Amino acid sequence: MEEYHFDGFRFDGVTSMMYTHHGIGTGFSGGYHEYFGPGVDEEGVIYLMLANEMLHDVYPEIITIAEDVSGMPALCLPVKIGGVGFDYRLAMALPDMVCLVCVLLLMCVF
């Protein structure tokens, strides 16, 4: 943090860490059973909670960002009130779809 003057960390693939199915073939519709059921990788969630708690304790001004497609409730709530501790969520579903559409359009053109 000090040497490179980073403002924070972006955690990539958070969905893969939080679920045993890694989010593959799963459509998250908003039901709590999808986020807090047997598919949750408890060790992965605890790792993310510990990482966020440690980073925010050592660097109070840090920003942590979760790249997540599940939309898990409490992802961006503080650990002390039961959240995972991220400051922001980067939802990749829309950007991924835009990339797919661009590729398909290019395939049609060429």
PDB file of N, CA and C in Angstrom:
ATOM      1  N   MET A   1       0.824  -1.178   0.000  1.00  0.00           N
ATOM      2  CA  MET A   1       0.000   0.000   0.000  1.00  0.00           C
ATOM      3  C   MET A   1       0.878   1.255   0.000  1.00  0.00           C
ATOM      4  N   GLU A   2       1.871   1.246   0.855  1.00  0.00           N
ATOM      5  CA  GLU A   2       2.713   2.431   0.939  1.00  0.00           C
ATOM      6  C   GLU A   2       3.616   2.571  -0.287  1.00  0.00           C
ATOM      7  N   GLU A   3       4.235   1.483  -0.705  1.00  0.00           N
ATOM      8  CA  GLU A   3       5.218   1.540  -1.782  1.00  0.00           C
ATOM      9  C   GLU A   3       4.606   1.934  -3.124  1.00  0.00           C
ATOM     10  N   TYR A   4       3.459   1.360  -3.451  1.00  0.00           N
ATOM     11  CA  TYR A   4       2.846   1.616  -4.753  1.00  0.00           C
ATOM     12  C   TYR A   4       1.671   2.588  -4.679  1.00  0.00           C
ATOM     13  N   HIS A   5       1.354   3.072  -3.490  1.00  0.00           N
ATOM     14  CA  HIS A   5       0.281   4.046  -3.272  1.00  0.00           C
ATOM     15  C   HIS A   5      -1.071   3.557  -3.780  1.00  0.00           C
ATOM     16  N   PHE A   6      -1.373   2.290  -3.509  1.00  0.00           N
ATOM     17  CA  PHE A   6      -2.684   1.744  -3.862  1.00  0.00           C
ATOM     18  C   PHE A   6      -3.753   2.354  -2.968  1.00  0.00           C
ATOM     19  N   ASP A   7      -4.940   2.519  -3.522  1.00  0.00           N
ATOM     20  CA  ASP A   7      -6.087   2.984  -2.739  1.00  0.00           C
ATOM     21  C   ASP A   7      -6.887   1.824  -2.184  1.00  0.00           C
ATOM     22  N   GLY A   8      -6.702   0.640  -2.788  1.00  0.00           N
ATOM     23  CA  GLY A   8      -7.488  -0.488  -2.338  1.00  0.00           C
ATOM     24  C   GLY A   8      -7.197  -1.744  -3.133  1.00  0.00           C
ATOM     25  N   PHE A   9      -8.071  -2.717  -2.954  1.00  0.00           N
ATOM     26  CA  PHE A   9      -7.932  -4.003  -3.619  1.00  0.00           C
ATOM     27  C   PHE A   9      -9.238  -4.388  -4.290  1.00  0.00           C
ATOM     28  N   ARG A  10      -9.118  -4.980  -5.470  1.00  0.00           N
ATOM     29  CA  ARG A  10     -10.265  -5.563  -6.163  1.00  0.00           C
ATOM     30  C   ARG A  10     -10.108  -7.073  -6.083  1.00  0.00           C
ATOM     31  N   PHE A  11     -11.084  -7.726  -5.517  1.00  0.00           N
ATOM     32  CA  PHE A  11     -11.080  -9.182  -5.408  1.00  0.00           C
ATOM     33  C   PHE A  11     -11.818  -9.737  -6.617  1.00  0.00           C
ATOM     34  N   ASP A  12     -11.130 -10.450  -7.475  1.00  0.00           N
ATOM     35  CA  ASP A  12     -11.707 -11.001  -8.691  1.00  0.00           C
ATOM     36  C   ASP A  12     -12.302 -12.377  -8.416  1.00  0.00           C
ATOM     37  N   GLY A  13     -13.404 -12.693  -9.045  1.00  0.00           N
ATOM     38  CA  GLY A  13     -13.988 -14.025  -8.926  1.00  0.00           C
ATOM     39  C   GLY A  13     -14.548 -14.344  -7.561  1.00  0.00           C
ATOM     40  N   VAL A  14     -15.126 -13.350  -6.891  1.00  0.00           N
ATOM     41  CA  VAL A  14     -15.663 -13.563  -5.547  1.00  0.00           C
ATOM     42  C   VAL A  14     -16.781 -14.607  -5.560  1.00  0.00           C
ATOM     43  N   THR A  15     -17.582 -14.626  -6.615  1.00  0.00           N
ATOM     44  CA  THR A  15     -18.658 -15.626  -6.706  1.00  0.00           C
ATOM     45  C   THR A  15     -18.082 -17.036  -6.650  1.00  0.00           C
ATOM     46  N   SER A  16     -16.957 -17.255  -7.310  1.00  0.00           N
ATOM     47  CA  SER A  16     -16.319 -18.578  -7.299  1.00  0.00           C
ATOM     48  C   SER A  16     -15.818 -18.966  -5.917  1.00  0.00           C
ATOM     49  N   MET A  17     -15.478 -17.972  -5.107  1.00  0.00           N
ATOM     50  CA  MET A  17     -14.995 -18.251  -3.756  1.00  0.00           C
ATOM     51  C   MET A  17     -16.132 -18.494  -2.772  1.00  0.00           C
ATOM     52  N   MET A  18     -17.293 -17.878  -3.016  1.00  0.00           N
ATOM     53  CA  MET A  18     -18.386 -17.936  -2.047  1.00  0.00           C
ATOM     54  C   MET A  18     -19.305 -19.144  -2.211  1.00  0.00           C
ATOM     55  N   TYR A  19     -19.250 -19.805  -3.363  1.00  0.00           N
ATOM     56  CA  TYR A  19     -20.179 -20.907  -3.622  1.00  0.00           C
ATOM     57  C   TYR A  19     -19.432 -22.149  -4.086  1.00  0.00           C
ATOM     58  N   THR A  20     -19.894 -23.308  -3.641  1.00  0.00           N
ATOM     59  CA  THR A  20     -19.249 -24.559  -4.046  1.00  0.00           C
ATOM     60  C   THR A  20     -19.466 -24.843  -5.523  1.00  0.00           C
ATOM     61  N   HIS A  21     -20.538 -24.324  -6.109  1.00  0.00           N
ATOM     62  CA  HIS A  21     -20.794 -24.490  -7.547  1.00  0.00           C
ATOM     63  C   HIS A  21     -20.110 -23.403  -8.368  1.00  0.00           C
ATOM     64  N   HIS A  22     -19.436 -22.471  -7.684  1.00  0.00           N
ATOM     65  CA  HIS A  22     -18.674 -21.382  -8.304  1.00  0.00           C
ATOM     66  C   HIS A  22     -19.541 -20.458  -9.164  1.00  0.00           C
ATOM     67  N   GLY A  23     -20.842 -20.519  -8.998  1.00  0.00           N
ATOM     68  CA  GLY A  23     -21.742 -19.685  -9.778  1.00  0.00           C
ATOM     69  C   GLY A  23     -21.986 -20.186 -11.191  1.00  0.00           C
ATOM     70  N   ILE A  24     -21.410 -21.345 -11.522  1.00  0.00           N
ATOM     71  CA  ILE A  24     -21.523 -21.887 -12.879  1.00  0.00           C
ATOM     72  C   ILE A  24     -22.880 -22.563 -13.038  1.00  0.00           C
ATOM     73  N   GLY A  25     -23.615 -22.150 -14.054  1.00  0.00           N
ATOM     74  CA  GLY A  25     -24.916 -22.737 -14.328  1.00  0.00           C
ATOM     75  C   GLY A  25     -25.978 -22.379 -13.310  1.00  0.00           C
ATOM     76  N   THR A  26     -25.747 -21.336 -12.555  1.00  0.00           N
ATOM     77  CA  THR A  26     -26.685 -20.921 -11.520  1.00  0.00           C
ATOM     78  C   THR A  26     -27.221 -19.540 -11.847  1.00  0.00           C
ATOM     79  N   GLY A  27     -28.520 -19.428 -11.879  1.00  0.00           N
ATOM     80  CA  GLY A  27     -29.146 -18.124 -12.070  1.00  0.00           C
ATOM     81  C   GLY A  27     -29.592 -17.595 -10.728  1.00  0.00           C
ATOM     82  N   PHE A  28     -29.033 -16.499 -10.301  1.00  0.00           N
ATOM     83  CA  PHE A  28     -29.390 -15.911  -9.012  1.00  0.00           C
ATOM     84  C   PHE A  28     -30.578 -14.980  -9.225  1.00  0.00           C
ATOM     85  N   SER A  29     -31.739 -15.370  -8.695  1.00  0.00           N
ATOM     86  CA  SER A  29     -32.959 -14.602  -8.923  1.00  0.00           C
ATOM     87  C   SER A  29     -33.320 -13.685  -7.761  1.00  0.00           C
ATOM     88  N   GLY A  30     -32.645 -13.818  -6.662  1.00  0.00           N
ATOM     89  CA  GLY A  30     -32.905 -12.957  -5.511  1.00  0.00           C
ATOM     90  C   GLY A  30     -33.442 -13.684  -4.295  1.00  0.00           C
ATOM     91  N   GLY A  31     -33.717 -14.974  -4.425  1.00  0.00           N
ATOM     92  CA  GLY A  31     -34.202 -15.732  -3.270  1.00  0.00           C
ATOM     93  C   GLY A  31     -33.076 -16.000  -2.277  1.00  0.00           C
ATOM     94  N   TYR A  32     -33.349 -15.796  -1.008  1.00  0.00           N
ATOM     95  CA  TYR A  32     -32.316 -15.984   0.010  1.00  0.00           C
ATOM     96  C   TYR A  32     -31.772 -17.409   0.034  1.00  0.00           C
ATOM     97  N   HIS A  33     -32.580 -18.389  -0.363  1.00  0.00           N
ATOM     98  CA  HIS A  33     -32.114 -19.775  -0.389  1.00  0.00           C
ATOM     99  C   HIS A  33     -30.939 -19.958  -1.355  1.00  0.00           C
ATOM    100  N   GLU A  34     -30.841 -19.082  -2.357  1.00  0.00           N
ATOM    101  CA  GLU A  34     -29.732 -19.162  -3.310  1.00  0.00           C
ATOM    102  C   GLU A  34     -28.428 -18.640  -2.710  1.00  0.00           C
ATOM    103  N   TYR A  35     -28.545 -17.717  -1.800  1.00  0.00           N
ATOM    104  CA  TYR A  35     -27.361 -17.070  -1.232  1.00  0.00           C
ATOM    105  C   TYR A  35     -26.895 -17.697   0.076  1.00  0.00           C
ATOM    106  N   PHE A  36     -27.804 -18.301   0.805  1.00  0.00           N
ATOM    107  CA  PHE A  36     -27.468 -18.807   2.128  1.00  0.00           C
ATOM    108  C   PHE A  36     -27.795 -20.280   2.296  1.00  0.00           C
ATOM    109  N   GLY A  37     -27.874 -21.019   1.214  1.00  0.00           N
ATOM    110  CA  GLY A  37     -28.202 -22.436   1.260  1.00  0.00           C
ATOM    111  C   GLY A  37     -26.970 -23.320   1.332  1.00  0.00           C
ATOM    112  N   PRO A  38     -27.145 -24.587   1.017  1.00  0.00           N
ATOM    113  CA  PRO A  38     -26.042 -25.558   1.097  1.00  0.00           C
ATOM    114  C   PRO A  38     -24.936 -25.320   0.069  1.00  0.00           C
ATOM    115  N   GLY A  39     -25.185 -24.493  -0.946  1.00  0.00           N
ATOM    116  CA  GLY A  39     -24.168 -24.215  -1.961  1.00  0.00           C
ATOM    117  C   GLY A  39     -23.135 -23.184  -1.540  1.00  0.00           C
ATOM    118  N   VAL A  40     -23.289 -22.618  -0.354  1.00  0.00           N
ATOM    119  CA  VAL A  40     -22.343 -21.608   0.121  1.00  0.00           C
ATOM    120  C   VAL A  40     -21.067 -22.285   0.604  1.00  0.00           C
ATOM    121  N   ASP A  41     -19.940 -21.783   0.151  1.00  0.00           N
ATOM    122  CA  ASP A  41     -18.638 -22.272   0.614  1.00  0.00           C
ATOM    123  C   ASP A  41     -18.271 -21.442   1.849  1.00  0.00           C
ATOM    124  N   GLU A  42     -18.563 -21.969   3.015  1.00  0.00           N
ATOM    125  CA  GLU A  42     -18.376 -21.214   4.256  1.00  0.00           C
ATOM    126  C   GLU A  42     -16.924 -20.781   4.448  1.00  0.00           C
ATOM    127  N   GLU A  43     -15.980 -21.641   4.088  1.00  0.00           N
ATOM    128  CA  GLU A  43     -14.565 -21.279   4.236  1.00  0.00           C
ATOM    129  C   GLU A  43     -14.199 -20.119   3.318  1.00  0.00           C
ATOM    130  N   GLY A  44     -14.755 -20.103   2.122  1.00  0.00           N
ATOM    131  CA  GLY A  44     -14.497 -19.005   1.196  1.00  0.00           C
ATOM    132  C   GLY A  44     -15.052 -17.692   1.712  1.00  0.00           C
ATOM    133  N   VAL A  45     -16.275 -17.727   2.248  1.00  0.00           N
ATOM    134  CA  VAL A  45     -16.893 -16.515   2.797  1.00  0.00           C
ATOM    135  C   VAL A  45     -16.104 -16.025   4.016  1.00  0.00           C
ATOM    136  N   ILE A  46     -15.691 -16.944   4.865  1.00  0.00           N
ATOM    137  CA  ILE A  46     -14.917 -16.557   6.051  1.00  0.00           C
ATOM    138  C   ILE A  46     -13.576 -15.947   5.641  1.00  0.00           C
ATOM    139  N   TYR A  47     -12.925 -16.522   4.624  1.00  0.00           N
ATOM    140  CA  TYR A  47     -11.674 -15.932   4.123  1.00  0.00           C
ATOM    141  C   TYR A  47     -11.906 -14.494   3.683  1.00  0.00           C
ATOM    142  N   LEU A  48     -12.966 -14.247   2.914  1.00  0.00           N
ATOM    143  CA  LEU A  48     -13.246 -12.892   2.435  1.00  0.00           C
ATOM    144  C   LEU A  48     -13.552 -11.946   3.589  1.00  0.00           C
ATOM    145  N   MET A  49     -14.276 -12.437   4.590  1.00  0.00           N
ATOM    146  CA  MET A  49     -14.563 -11.618   5.766  1.00  0.00           C
ATOM    147  C   MET A  49     -13.282 -11.261   6.511  1.00  0.00           C
ATOM    148  N   LEU A  50     -12.416 -12.263   6.709  1.00  0.00           N
ATOM    149  CA  LEU A  50     -11.151 -12.011   7.414  1.00  0.00           C
ATOM    150  C   LEU A  50     -10.253 -11.062   6.633  1.00  0.00           C
ATOM    151  N   ALA A  51     -10.192 -11.253   5.318  1.00  0.00           N
ATOM    152  CA  ALA A  51      -9.349 -10.383   4.485  1.00  0.00           C
ATOM    153  C   ALA A  51      -9.835  -8.937   4.567  1.00  0.00           C
ATOM    154  N   ASN A  52     -11.142  -8.731   4.458  1.00  0.00           N
ATOM    155  CA  ASN A  52     -11.688  -7.374   4.544  1.00  0.00           C
ATOM    156  C   ASN A  52     -11.480  -6.762   5.914  1.00  0.00           C
ATOM    157  N   GLU A  53     -11.717  -7.544   6.943  1.00  0.00           N
ATOM    158  CA  GLU A  53     -11.541  -7.044   8.307  1.00  0.00           C
ATOM    159  C   GLU A  53     -10.084  -6.641   8.553  1.00  0.00           C
ATOM    160  N   MET A  54      -9.144  -7.490   8.140  1.00  0.00           N
ATOM    161  CA  MET A  54      -7.724  -7.191   8.327  1.00  0.00           C
ATOM    162  C   MET A  54      -7.314  -5.955   7.536  1.00  0.00           C
ATOM    163  N   LEU A  55      -7.713  -5.897   6.267  1.00  0.00           N
ATOM    164  CA  LEU A  55      -7.335  -4.747   5.438  1.00  0.00           C
ATOM    165  C   LEU A  55      -7.888  -3.443   5.998  1.00  0.00           C
ATOM    166  N   HIS A  56      -9.139  -3.450   6.445  1.00  0.00           N
ATOM    167  CA  HIS A  56      -9.728  -2.230   6.990  1.00  0.00           C
ATOM    168  C   HIS A  56      -9.145  -1.866   8.357  1.00  0.00           C
ATOM    169  N   ASP A  57      -8.687  -2.853   9.123  1.00  0.00           N
ATOM    170  CA  ASP A  57      -8.042  -2.559  10.406  1.00  0.00           C
ATOM    171  C   ASP A  57      -6.656  -1.953  10.198  1.00  0.00           C
ATOM    172  N   VAL A  58      -5.890  -2.529   9.278  1.00  0.00           N
ATOM    173  CA  VAL A  58      -4.512  -2.068   9.043  1.00  0.00           C
ATOM    174  C   VAL A  58      -4.492  -0.761   8.251  1.00  0.00           C
ATOM    175  N   TYR A  59      -5.402  -0.643   7.276  1.00  0.00           N
ATOM    176  CA  TYR A  59      -5.482   0.550   6.416  1.00  0.00           C
ATOM    177  C   TYR A  59      -6.909   1.100   6.457  1.00  0.00           C
ATOM    178  N   PRO A  60      -7.232   1.948   7.427  1.00  0.00           N
ATOM    179  CA  PRO A  60      -8.611   2.423   7.589  1.00  0.00           C
ATOM    180  C   PRO A  60      -9.197   3.132   6.360  1.00  0.00           C
ATOM    181  N   GLU A  61      -8.376   3.706   5.517  1.00  0.00           N
ATOM    182  CA  GLU A  61      -8.872   4.439   4.345  1.00  0.00           C
ATOM    183  C   GLU A  61      -8.981   3.576   3.090  1.00  0.00           C
ATOM    184  N   ILE A  62      -8.700   2.291   3.202  1.00  0.00           N
ATOM    185  CA  ILE A  62      -8.672   1.401   2.040  1.00  0.00           C
ATOM    186  C   ILE A  62     -10.076   1.195   1.466  1.00  0.00           C
ATOM    187  N   ILE A  63     -10.120   0.890   0.180  1.00  0.00           N
ATOM    188  CA  ILE A  63     -11.362   0.529  -0.502  1.00  0.00           C
ATOM    189  C   ILE A  63     -11.208  -0.900  -0.990  1.00  0.00           C
ATOM    190  N   THR A  64     -12.196  -1.739  -0.694  1.00  0.00           N
ATOM    191  CA  THR A  64     -12.192  -3.106  -1.214  1.00  0.00           C
ATOM    192  C   THR A  64     -13.396  -3.276  -2.129  1.00  0.00           C
ATOM    193  N   ILE A  65     -13.158  -3.921  -3.266  1.00  0.00           N
ATOM    194  CA  ILE A  65     -14.189  -4.102  -4.284  1.00  0.00           C
ATOM    195  C   ILE A  65     -14.314  -5.591  -4.600  1.00  0.00           C
ATOM    196  N   ALA A  66     -15.544  -6.082  -4.609  1.00  0.00           N
ATOM    197  CA  ALA A  66     -15.821  -7.485  -4.919  1.00  0.00           C
ATOM    198  C   ALA A  66     -16.367  -7.587  -6.334  1.00  0.00           C
ATOM    199  N   GLU A  67     -15.696  -8.347  -7.191  1.00  0.00           N
ATOM    200  CA  GLU A  67     -16.229  -8.644  -8.529  1.00  0.00           C
ATOM    201  C   GLU A  67     -17.135  -9.850  -8.345  1.00  0.00           C
ATOM    202  N   ASP A  68     -18.445  -9.605  -8.437  1.00  0.00           N
ATOM    203  CA  ASP A  68     -19.422 -10.630  -8.074  1.00  0.00           C
ATOM    204  C   ASP A  68     -20.598 -10.596  -9.031  1.00  0.00           C
ATOM    205  N   VAL A  69     -21.060 -11.771  -9.452  1.00  0.00           N
ATOM    206  CA  VAL A  69     -22.238 -11.836 -10.317  1.00  0.00           C
ATOM    207  C   VAL A  69     -23.471 -12.351  -9.576  1.00  0.00           C
ATOM    208  N   SER A  70     -23.324 -12.761  -8.320  1.00  0.00           N
ATOM    209  CA  SER A  70     -24.450 -13.352  -7.606  1.00  0.00           C
ATOM    210  C   SER A  70     -25.376 -12.308  -6.988  1.00  0.00           C
ATOM    211  N   GLY A  71     -24.843 -11.182  -6.581  1.00  0.00           N
ATOM    212  CA  GLY A  71     -25.656 -10.179  -5.899  1.00  0.00           C
ATOM    213  C   GLY A  71     -25.968 -10.551  -4.467  1.00  0.00           C
ATOM    214  N   MET A  72     -25.057 -11.273  -3.832  1.00  0.00           N
ATOM    215  CA  MET A  72     -25.283 -11.745  -2.461  1.00  0.00           C
ATOM    216  C   MET A  72     -25.610 -10.586  -1.513  1.00  0.00           C
ATOM    217  N   PRO A  73     -26.754 -10.691  -0.801  1.00  0.00           N
ATOM    218  CA  PRO A  73     -27.063  -9.676   0.201  1.00  0.00           C
ATOM    219  C   PRO A  73     -25.978  -9.663   1.278  1.00  0.00           C
ATOM    220  N   ALA A  74     -25.692  -8.524   1.814  1.00  0.00           N
ATOM    221  CA  ALA A  74     -24.709  -8.331   2.884  1.00  0.00           C
ATOM    222  C   ALA A  74     -23.268  -8.389   2.396  1.00  0.00           C
ATOM    223  N   LEU A  75     -23.043  -8.484   1.099  1.00  0.00           N
ATOM    224  CA  LEU A  75     -21.677  -8.500   0.577  1.00  0.00           C
ATOM    225  C   LEU A  75     -20.940  -7.211   0.937  1.00  0.00           C
ATOM    226  N   CYS A  76     -21.657  -6.100   0.910  1.00  0.00           N
ATOM    227  CA  CYS A  76     -21.040  -4.796   1.175  1.00  0.00           C
ATOM    228  C   CYS A  76     -21.472  -4.196   2.506  1.00  0.00           C
ATOM    229  N   LEU A  77     -21.738  -5.052   3.456  1.00  0.00           N
ATOM    230  CA  LEU A  77     -21.982  -4.591   4.818  1.00  0.00           C
ATOM    231  C   LEU A  77     -20.758  -4.890   5.664  1.00  0.00           C
ATOM    232  N   PRO A  78     -20.500  -4.089   6.699  1.00  0.00           N
ATOM    233  CA  PRO A  78     -19.342  -4.352   7.565  1.00  0.00           C
ATOM    234  C   PRO A  78     -19.424  -5.724   8.230  1.00  0.00           C
ATOM    235  N   VAL A  79     -18.271  -6.308   8.455  1.00  0.00           N
ATOM    236  CA  VAL A  79     -18.194  -7.622   9.095  1.00  0.00           C
ATOM    237  C   VAL A  79     -18.814  -7.584  10.484  1.00  0.00           C
ATOM    238  N   LYS A  80     -18.629  -6.489  11.215  1.00  0.00           N
ATOM    239  CA  LYS A  80     -19.119  -6.408  12.594  1.00  0.00           C
ATOM    240  C   LYS A  80     -20.644  -6.500  12.708  1.00  0.00           C
ATOM    241  N   ILE A  81     -21.371  -6.271  11.592  1.00  0.00           N
ATOM    242  CA  ILE A  81     -22.833  -6.434  11.641  1.00  0.00           C
ATOM    243  C   ILE A  81     -23.293  -7.625  10.795  1.00  0.00           C
ATOM    244  N   GLY A  82     -22.343  -8.518  10.453  1.00  0.00           N
ATOM    245  CA  GLY A  82     -22.699  -9.756   9.771  1.00  0.00           C
ATOM    246  C   GLY A  82     -22.486  -9.774   8.273  1.00  0.00           C
ATOM    247  N   GLY A  83     -21.886  -8.730   7.733  1.00  0.00           N
ATOM    248  CA  GLY A  83     -21.619  -8.689   6.304  1.00  0.00           C
ATOM    249  C   GLY A  83     -20.280  -9.307   5.948  1.00  0.00           C
ATOM    250  N   VAL A  84     -19.963  -9.289   4.665  1.00  0.00           N
ATOM    251  CA  VAL A  84     -18.683  -9.821   4.192  1.00  0.00           C
ATOM    252  C   VAL A  84     -17.608  -8.737   4.246  1.00  0.00           C
ATOM    253  N   GLY A  85     -17.997  -7.467   4.259  1.00  0.00           N
ATOM    254  CA  GLY A  85     -17.052  -6.391   4.523  1.00  0.00           C
ATOM    255  C   GLY A  85     -16.553  -5.595   3.347  1.00  0.00           C
ATOM    256  N   PHE A  86     -17.031  -5.874   2.144  1.00  0.00           N
ATOM    257  CA  PHE A  86     -16.578  -5.094   0.988  1.00  0.00           C
ATOM    258  C   PHE A  86     -17.197  -3.704   1.003  1.00  0.00           C
ATOM    259  N   ASP A  87     -16.491  -2.761   0.383  1.00  0.00           N
ATOM    260  CA  ASP A  87     -17.015  -1.404   0.254  1.00  0.00           C
ATOM    261  C   ASP A  87     -17.892  -1.259  -0.985  1.00  0.00           C
ATOM    262  N   TYR A  88     -17.511  -1.945  -2.059  1.00  0.00           N
ATOM    263  CA  TYR A  88     -18.253  -1.851  -3.315  1.00  0.00           C
ATOM    264  C   TYR A  88     -18.348  -3.215  -3.979  1.00  0.00           C
ATOM    265  N   ARG A  89     -19.374  -3.369  -4.816  1.00  0.00           N
ATOM    266  CA  ARG A  89     -19.568  -4.582  -5.618  1.00  0.00           C
ATOM    267  C   ARG A  89     -19.484  -4.198  -7.084  1.00  0.00           C
ATOM    268  N   LEU A  90     -18.651  -4.892  -7.826  1.00  0.00           N
ATOM    269  CA  LEU A  90     -18.542  -4.705  -9.267  1.00  0.00           C
ATOM    270  C   LEU A  90     -19.322  -5.836  -9.916  1.00  0.00           C
ATOM    271  N   ALA A  91     -20.493  -5.524 -10.457  1.00  0.00           N
ATOM    272  CA  ALA A  91     -21.350  -6.527 -11.088  1.00  0.00           C
ATOM    273  C   ALA A  91     -20.880  -6.737 -12.522  1.00  0.00           C
ATOM    274  N   MET A  92     -20.426  -7.935 -12.820  1.00  0.00           N
ATOM    275  CA  MET A  92     -19.843  -8.208 -14.134  1.00  0.00           C
ATOM    276  C   MET A  92     -20.819  -8.813 -15.135  1.00  0.00           C
ATOM    277  N   ALA A  93     -22.052  -9.086 -14.736  1.00  0.00           N
ATOM    278  CA  ALA A  93     -22.992  -9.733 -15.654  1.00  0.00           C
ATOM    279  C   ALA A  93     -23.257  -8.866 -16.880  1.00  0.00           C
ATOM    280  N   LEU A  94     -23.506  -7.585 -16.691  1.00  0.00           N
ATOM    281  CA  LEU A  94     -23.791  -6.699 -17.830  1.00  0.00           C
ATOM    282  C   LEU A  94     -22.566  -6.505 -18.719  1.00  0.00           C
ATOM    283  N   PRO A  95     -21.381  -6.170 -18.173  1.00  0.00           N
ATOM    284  CA  PRO A  95     -20.208  -6.049 -19.042  1.00  0.00           C
ATOM    285  C   PRO A  95     -19.880  -7.342 -19.793  1.00  0.00           C
ATOM    286  N   ASP A  96     -20.076  -8.486 -19.145  1.00  0.00           N
ATOM    287  CA  ASP A  96     -19.836  -9.759 -19.825  1.00  0.00           C
ATOM    288  C   ASP A  96     -20.793  -9.943 -20.995  1.00  0.00           C
ATOM    289  N   MET A  97     -22.047  -9.548 -20.813  1.00  0.00           N
ATOM    290  CA  MET A  97     -23.041  -9.674 -21.880  1.00  0.00           C
ATOM    291  C   MET A  97     -22.706  -8.726 -23.034  1.00  0.00           C
ATOM    292  N   VAL A  98     -22.249  -7.526 -22.721  1.00  0.00           N
ATOM    293  CA  VAL A  98     -21.855  -6.575 -23.773  1.00  0.00           C
ATOM    294  C   VAL A  98     -20.703  -7.152 -24.585  1.00  0.00           C
ATOM    295  N   CYS A  99     -19.726  -7.742 -23.924  1.00  0.00           N
ATOM    296  CA  CYS A  99     -18.598  -8.363 -24.631  1.00  0.00           C
ATOM    297  C   CYS A  99     -19.076  -9.496 -25.528  1.00  0.00           C
ATOM    298  N   LEU A 100     -19.997 -10.319 -25.034  1.00  0.00           N
ATOM    299  CA  LEU A 100     -20.525 -11.424 -25.825  1.00  0.00           C
ATOM    300  C   LEU A 100     -21.250 -10.904 -27.066  1.00  0.00           C
ATOM    301  N   VAL A 101     -22.066  -9.875 -26.908  1.00  0.00           N
ATOM    302  CA  VAL A 101     -22.787  -9.297 -28.045  1.00  0.00           C
ATOM    303  C   VAL A 101     -21.804  -8.734 -29.069  1.00  0.00           C
ATOM    304  N   CYS A 102     -20.762  -8.069 -28.603  1.00  0.00           N
ATOM    305  CA  CYS A 102     -19.753  -7.519 -29.520  1.00  0.00           C
ATOM    306  C   CYS A 102     -19.063  -8.630 -30.308  1.00  0.00           C
ATOM    307  N   VAL A 103     -18.723  -9.701 -29.655  1.00  0.00           N
ATOM    308  CA  VAL A 103     -18.085 -10.830 -30.336  1.00  0.00           C
ATOM    309  C   VAL A 103     -19.032 -11.422 -31.373  1.00  0.00           C
ATOM    310  N   LEU A 104     -20.284 -11.605 -31.000  1.00  0.00           N
ATOM    311  CA  LEU A 104     -21.255 -12.156 -31.938  1.00  0.00           C
ATOM    312  C   LEU A 104     -21.466 -11.234 -33.139  1.00  0.00           C
ATOM    313  N   LEU A 105     -21.491  -9.935 -32.905  1.00  0.00           N
ATOM    314  CA  LEU A 105     -21.628  -8.992 -34.013  1.00  0.00           C
ATOM    315  C   LEU A 105     -20.415  -9.044 -34.936  1.00  0.00           C
ATOM    316  N   LEU A 106     -19.246  -9.153 -34.353  1.00  0.00           N
ATOM    317  CA  LEU A 106     -18.040  -9.254 -35.172  1.00  0.00           C
ATOM    318  C   LEU A 106     -18.034 -10.531 -35.996  1.00  0.00           C
ATOM    319  N   MET A 107     -18.540 -11.612 -35.423  1.00  0.00           N
ATOM    320  CA  MET A 107     -18.596 -12.881 -36.156  1.00  0.00           C
ATOM    321  C   MET A 107     -19.558 -12.771 -37.346  1.00  0.00           C
ATOM    322  N   CYS A 108     -20.611 -11.997 -37.198  1.00  0.00           N
ATOM    323  CA  CYS A 108     -21.570 -11.807 -38.291  1.00  0.00           C
ATOM    324  C   CYS A 108     -20.991 -10.949 -39.409  1.00  0.00           C
ATOM    325  N   VAL A 109     -20.148 -10.008 -39.043  1.00  0.00           N
ATOM    326  CA  VAL A 109     -19.569  -9.079 -40.022  1.00  0.00           C
ATOM    327  C   VAL A 109     -18.493  -9.762 -40.853  1.00  0.00           C
ATOM    328  N   PHE A 110     -17.716 -10.618 -40.208  1.00  0.00           N
ATOM    329  CA  PHE A 110     -16.590 -11.234 -40.927  1.00  0.00           C
ATOM    330  C   PHE A 110     -16.928 -12.611 -41.355  1.00  0.00           C
TER     331      PHE A 110
END
